Amino acid sequence: MKREKVEIGWYAVRPSLVYLVLFITIRAILYRVLESVLLSSNADMAFFYEAFSGTADLIILGISCAGAVVPVLSEGRREVMIARARSENAWIAKRRDAGVLLASLPPGTICLSALLNILLSNGNAAAYSDAASAALAAAVYGILSPFTEELVFRGIMYHRLRRGFSPIEAALISSLLFGFAHGNFLQGIYASIMGIVFGLAYELTRRFEVPFLLHCTCNLAILAAGRAGWGEVLRSPMWIIFFALGAAAVFVVWGKRLYETKFRI
């Protein structure tokens, strides 16, 4: 049994390692090309980083995400379709209050995301001053990045881990690697906690669009807060309490429903 779990674990983790290696490689190459070819002098370099570094970062991130996911795209699609085919037997499909539970997930998840961002980053978020960079950030951080990350870490990794591990074990393993992929300790904590929520949402619905849309919503909410300059306001005790209570209310309701059905994680 232990050997079987090791084999399943490697089978599940391998695509994410391919994705991460390619992502890091593509990103490093693009930055190297940018600095060595496009920026030929120190003056050009200084001007560029003052005026266009944010936009360049977004473009490089988008290209890196898109390029890195290509080799595992077919595997991801196959795993997502397998899970979708079994969605009729998902936990949520048996609930009469499925609509209410699903509708409560986005606000509860946004509250948790906002609370963690405030506690782990002092409520600061990148602010894109012009409409073009804000739209680009929404496309990259709000759609492309969530799609590639959810496909790799939930669509493939979590779904494969469930063939040999319990839901909570699969969620923990996939979320820890998801946090590690962010390359920063505080962001890693945030991503790991949110990854558990995304993983269990996938477990309970078996619909890829659920964790994907939750991920999109959280990222877009953070971007919107940064764009609106709400960082200082949201750090107030009133908002911290509001987000904490909002997240707790939603997840307590979900926990109660899971307990009633003797769902074991």
Protein backbone atom coordinates (compact mmCIF):
# COMPACT_ATOMS: atom_id res chain seq x y z
CA MET A 1 0.00 0.00 0.00
CA LYS A 2 2.85 2.37 0.85
CA ARG A 3 4.56 1.69 -2.47
CA GLU A 4 1.27 2.22 -4.29
CA LYS A 5 0.89 5.62 -2.62
CA VAL A 6 4.43 6.57 -3.63
CA GLU A 7 3.69 5.63 -7.25
CA ILE A 8 0.40 7.54 -7.22
CA GLY A 9 2.13 10.51 -5.59
CA TRP A 10 4.80 10.68 -8.26
CA TYR A 11 2.21 10.21 -11.01
CA ALA A 12 0.27 13.14 -9.56
CA VAL A 13 3.22 15.45 -8.84
CA ARG A 14 5.20 14.94 -12.06
CA PRO A 15 3.09 17.28 -14.27
CA SER A 16 3.36 20.08 -11.70
CA LEU A 17 7.16 19.71 -11.65
CA VAL A 18 7.21 19.90 -15.46
CA TYR A 19 5.08 23.03 -15.28
CA LEU A 20 7.23 24.69 -12.61
CA VAL A 21 10.54 23.92 -14.31
CA LEU A 22 9.28 25.25 -17.63
CA PHE A 23 7.72 28.31 -15.98
CA ILE A 24 10.95 29.23 -14.19
CA THR A 25 13.04 28.56 -17.31
CA ILE A 26 10.84 30.55 -19.70
CA ARG A 27 10.58 33.43 -17.25
CA ALA A 28 14.36 33.56 -16.70
CA ILE A 29 15.05 33.47 -20.43
CA LEU A 30 12.58 36.26 -21.16
CA TYR A 31 14.04 38.51 -18.47
CA ARG A 32 17.54 37.79 -19.76
CA VAL A 33 16.52 38.66 -23.32
CA LEU A 34 14.82 41.82 -22.12
CA GLU A 35 17.84 43.03 -20.20
CA SER A 36 20.58 41.99 -22.63
CA VAL A 37 18.97 42.68 -26.02
CA LEU A 38 16.26 45.30 -25.61
CA LEU A 39 18.01 47.38 -22.99
CA SER A 40 21.40 48.30 -24.38
CA SER A 41 22.43 51.03 -21.96
CA ASN A 42 22.06 51.92 -18.29
CA ALA A 43 19.97 54.95 -19.20
CA ASP A 44 17.59 52.81 -21.24
CA MET A 45 17.44 50.32 -18.38
CA ALA A 46 16.58 52.99 -15.81
CA PHE A 47 13.93 54.54 -18.04
CA PHE A 48 12.38 51.18 -18.81
CA TYR A 49 12.10 50.08 -15.19
CA GLU A 50 10.62 53.42 -14.23
CA ALA A 51 8.01 53.48 -16.98
CA PHE A 52 7.30 49.92 -18.17
CA SER A 53 8.58 47.34 -15.68
CA GLY A 54 5.09 46.53 -14.36
CA THR A 55 3.70 45.92 -17.84
CA ALA A 56 6.75 43.86 -18.82
CA ASP A 57 6.37 41.74 -15.68
CA LEU A 58 2.75 41.01 -16.58
CA ILE A 59 3.59 40.09 -20.17
CA ILE A 60 6.44 37.83 -19.09
CA LEU A 61 4.26 36.18 -16.45
CA GLY A 62 1.51 35.57 -19.00
CA ILE A 63 3.89 34.08 -21.59
CA SER A 64 5.55 31.92 -18.91
CA CYS A 65 2.22 30.56 -17.65
CA ALA A 66 0.94 29.85 -21.15
CA GLY A 67 4.16 28.26 -22.34
CA ALA A 68 4.67 26.12 -19.25
CA VAL A 69 1.16 24.64 -19.30
CA VAL A 70 1.30 23.46 -22.91
CA PRO A 71 3.07 20.10 -22.23
CA VAL A 72 0.52 19.12 -19.56
CA LEU A 73 -2.57 20.59 -21.21
CA SER A 74 -3.82 17.30 -22.66
CA GLU A 75 -3.29 15.51 -19.33
CA GLY A 76 -5.20 18.24 -17.55
CA ARG A 77 -8.09 18.13 -19.98
CA ARG A 78 -8.33 14.37 -19.60
CA GLU A 79 -8.36 14.51 -15.80
CA VAL A 80 -10.93 17.33 -15.77
CA MET A 81 -13.23 15.38 -18.09
CA ILE A 82 -12.94 12.26 -15.93
CA ALA A 83 -13.91 14.26 -12.85
CA ARG A 84 -16.78 15.94 -14.71
CA ALA A 85 -18.13 12.54 -15.81
CA ARG A 86 -18.38 11.58 -12.15
CA SER A 87 -19.92 14.87 -11.00
CA GLU A 88 -23.39 13.29 -10.72
CA ASN A 89 -22.07 11.37 -7.71
CA ALA A 90 -20.42 14.41 -6.14
CA TRP A 91 -21.37 15.37 -2.59
CA ILE A 92 -22.98 18.64 -3.68
CA ALA A 93 -25.18 16.88 -6.28
CA LYS A 94 -27.06 15.11 -3.49
CA ARG A 95 -27.94 18.31 -1.63
CA ARG A 96 -31.27 20.08 -1.98
CA ASP A 97 -29.55 23.24 -0.81
CA ALA A 98 -26.77 22.93 -3.41
CA GLY A 99 -27.61 26.30 -4.95
CA VAL A 100 -27.37 28.11 -1.62
CA LEU A 101 -24.11 26.39 -0.71
CA LEU A 102 -22.51 27.14 -4.07
CA ALA A 103 -23.69 30.76 -3.96
CA SER A 104 -22.10 31.19 -0.52
CA LEU A 105 -18.67 29.98 -1.63
CA PRO A 106 -17.51 33.09 -3.55
CA PRO A 107 -18.22 35.64 -0.76
CA GLY A 108 -16.81 33.31 1.90
CA THR A 109 -13.68 32.63 -0.13
CA ILE A 110 -13.20 36.33 -0.94
CA CYS A 111 -13.49 37.15 2.77
CA LEU A 112 -10.85 34.53 3.60
CA SER A 113 -8.60 35.75 0.80
CA ALA A 114 -8.93 39.38 1.91
CA LEU A 115 -8.27 38.49 5.54
CA LEU A 116 -5.13 36.52 4.69
CA ASN A 117 -3.87 39.28 2.38
CA ILE A 118 -4.31 41.88 5.10
CA LEU A 119 -2.62 39.75 7.76
CA LEU A 120 0.23 38.56 5.56
CA SER A 121 0.93 41.63 3.43
CA ASN A 122 -0.38 44.58 5.44
CA GLY A 123 -3.27 44.89 3.01
CA ASN A 124 -0.99 46.19 0.24
CA ALA A 125 -1.77 45.16 -3.32
CA ALA A 126 -0.28 46.15 -6.64
CA ALA A 127 -2.01 49.20 -8.06
CA TYR A 128 -2.10 49.58 -11.85
CA SER A 129 -2.67 53.26 -12.50
CA ASP A 130 -3.65 53.21 -16.19
CA ALA A 131 -6.54 51.33 -17.76
CA ALA A 132 -4.34 49.30 -20.14
CA SER A 133 -2.10 47.85 -17.41
CA ALA A 134 -5.13 47.22 -15.19
CA ALA A 135 -6.84 45.30 -18.00
CA LEU A 136 -3.65 43.33 -18.67
CA ALA A 137 -3.32 42.52 -14.96
CA ALA A 138 -6.93 41.34 -14.87
CA ALA A 139 -6.31 39.07 -17.87
CA VAL A 140 -3.08 37.60 -16.50
CA TYR A 141 -3.70 37.49 -12.73
CA GLY A 142 -7.46 37.17 -12.94
CA ILE A 143 -7.88 34.57 -15.70
CA LEU A 144 -4.72 33.07 -17.22
CA SER A 145 -2.75 32.41 -14.04
CA PRO A 146 -5.74 30.91 -12.16
CA PHE A 147 -6.52 28.67 -15.14
CA THR A 148 -3.01 27.25 -15.47
CA GLU A 149 -2.54 26.85 -11.71
CA GLU A 150 -5.91 25.21 -11.15
CA LEU A 151 -5.41 22.89 -14.10
CA VAL A 152 -2.04 21.75 -12.76
CA PHE A 153 -2.61 21.71 -9.00
CA ARG A 154 -6.29 20.75 -8.77
CA GLY A 155 -7.26 19.41 -12.18
CA ILE A 156 -4.27 17.08 -12.41
CA MET A 157 -2.47 16.80 -9.09
CA TYR A 158 -5.39 16.77 -6.67
CA HIS A 159 -7.54 14.52 -8.86
CA ARG A 160 -4.74 11.98 -9.24
CA LEU A 161 -3.80 12.06 -5.56
CA ARG A 162 -7.39 11.13 -4.71
CA ARG A 163 -6.77 7.70 -6.23
CA GLY A 164 -4.63 6.80 -3.24
CA PHE A 165 -5.14 9.48 -0.59
CA SER A 166 -8.00 10.89 1.47
CA PRO A 167 -9.49 14.27 0.50
CA ILE A 168 -7.64 16.15 3.24
CA GLU A 169 -4.34 14.40 2.43
CA ALA A 170 -4.71 15.20 -1.28
CA ALA A 171 -5.69 18.80 -0.49
CA LEU A 172 -2.73 19.27 1.86
CA ILE A 173 -0.16 17.80 -0.53
CA SER A 174 -1.40 19.74 -3.55
CA SER A 175 -1.80 22.98 -1.58
CA LEU A 176 1.68 22.78 -0.05
CA LEU A 177 3.24 22.38 -3.48
CA PHE A 178 0.97 25.16 -4.72
CA GLY A 179 2.31 27.40 -1.96
CA PHE A 180 5.91 26.39 -2.68
CA ALA A 181 5.42 27.32 -6.34
CA HIS A 182 4.83 30.95 -5.35
CA GLY A 183 8.48 31.27 -4.30
CA ASN A 184 7.84 33.54 -1.33
CA PHE A 185 7.26 32.52 2.30
CA LEU A 186 4.26 34.77 3.03
CA GLN A 187 2.71 34.24 -0.39
CA GLY A 188 3.33 30.54 0.09
CA ILE A 189 1.33 30.54 3.33
CA TYR A 190 -1.50 32.40 1.62
CA ALA A 191 -1.49 30.10 -1.41
CA SER A 192 -1.33 26.95 0.73
CA ILE A 193 -4.38 27.92 2.79
CA MET A 194 -6.35 28.99 -0.27
CA GLY A 195 -5.21 25.83 -2.05
CA ILE A 196 -6.88 23.70 0.61
CA VAL A 197 -10.14 25.57 0.04
CA PHE A 198 -9.85 25.18 -3.75
CA GLY A 199 -8.99 21.49 -3.42
CA LEU A 200 -11.92 20.67 -1.14
CA ALA A 201 -14.25 22.71 -3.37
CA TYR A 202 -13.14 20.49 -6.24
CA GLU A 203 -13.64 17.39 -4.12
CA LEU A 204 -17.20 18.32 -3.15
CA THR A 205 -18.31 19.36 -6.64
CA ARG A 206 -15.99 17.54 -9.06
CA ARG A 207 -16.39 20.51 -11.35
CA PHE A 208 -13.17 22.20 -12.44
CA GLU A 209 -14.93 25.51 -12.99
CA VAL A 210 -15.70 25.82 -9.26
CA PRO A 211 -12.09 26.15 -7.95
CA PHE A 212 -11.13 28.00 -11.15
CA LEU A 213 -13.84 30.65 -10.70
CA LEU A 214 -13.12 30.94 -6.97
CA HIS A 215 -9.45 31.52 -7.77
CA CYS A 216 -10.34 34.09 -10.44
CA THR A 217 -12.72 35.90 -8.12
CA CYS A 218 -10.17 36.17 -5.31
CA ASN A 219 -7.42 37.46 -7.60
CA LEU A 220 -9.70 39.96 -9.28
CA ALA A 221 -10.97 41.21 -5.92
CA ILE A 222 -7.38 41.79 -4.75
CA LEU A 223 -6.56 43.63 -7.98
CA ALA A 224 -9.69 45.75 -7.68
CA ALA A 225 -8.82 46.71 -4.11
CA GLY A 226 -5.32 47.74 -5.19
CA ARG A 227 -6.64 49.67 -8.18
CA ALA A 228 -9.12 51.54 -5.94
CA GLY A 229 -6.45 52.31 -3.35
CA TRP A 230 -8.32 50.59 -0.54
CA GLY A 231 -5.23 49.10 1.12
CA GLU A 232 -5.16 51.47 4.08
CA VAL A 233 -8.92 51.34 4.59
CA LEU A 234 -9.09 47.54 4.56
CA ARG A 235 -6.40 47.28 7.23
CA SER A 236 -8.75 48.80 9.81
CA PRO A 237 -9.92 46.50 12.66
CA MET A 238 -13.52 46.86 11.49
CA TRP A 239 -12.76 45.33 8.08
CA ILE A 240 -10.54 42.61 9.55
CA ILE A 241 -13.39 41.57 11.85
CA PHE A 242 -15.86 41.76 8.96
CA PHE A 243 -13.75 39.49 6.73
CA ALA A 244 -13.08 37.07 9.59
CA LEU A 245 -16.78 36.78 10.45
CA GLY A 246 -17.76 36.49 6.79
CA ALA A 247 -15.33 33.64 6.15
CA ALA A 248 -16.23 31.90 9.41
CA ALA A 249 -19.98 32.11 8.75
CA VAL A 250 -19.70 30.48 5.33
CA PHE A 251 -17.29 27.73 6.30
CA VAL A 252 -19.17 26.92 9.51
CA VAL A 253 -22.31 26.38 7.42
CA TRP A 254 -20.38 24.14 5.04
CA GLY A 255 -18.80 22.28 7.95
CA LYS A 256 -22.20 21.70 9.52
CA ARG A 257 -23.59 20.31 6.26
CA LEU A 258 -20.59 18.01 5.87
CA TYR A 259 -20.95 16.80 9.45
CA GLU A 260 -24.65 16.07 8.92
CA THR A 261 -23.84 13.79 5.99
CA LYS A 262 -20.90 12.16 7.83
CA PHE A 263 -18.55 13.29 5.08
CA ARG A 264 -15.02 12.39 6.11
CA ILE A 265 -12.07 14.46 5.07
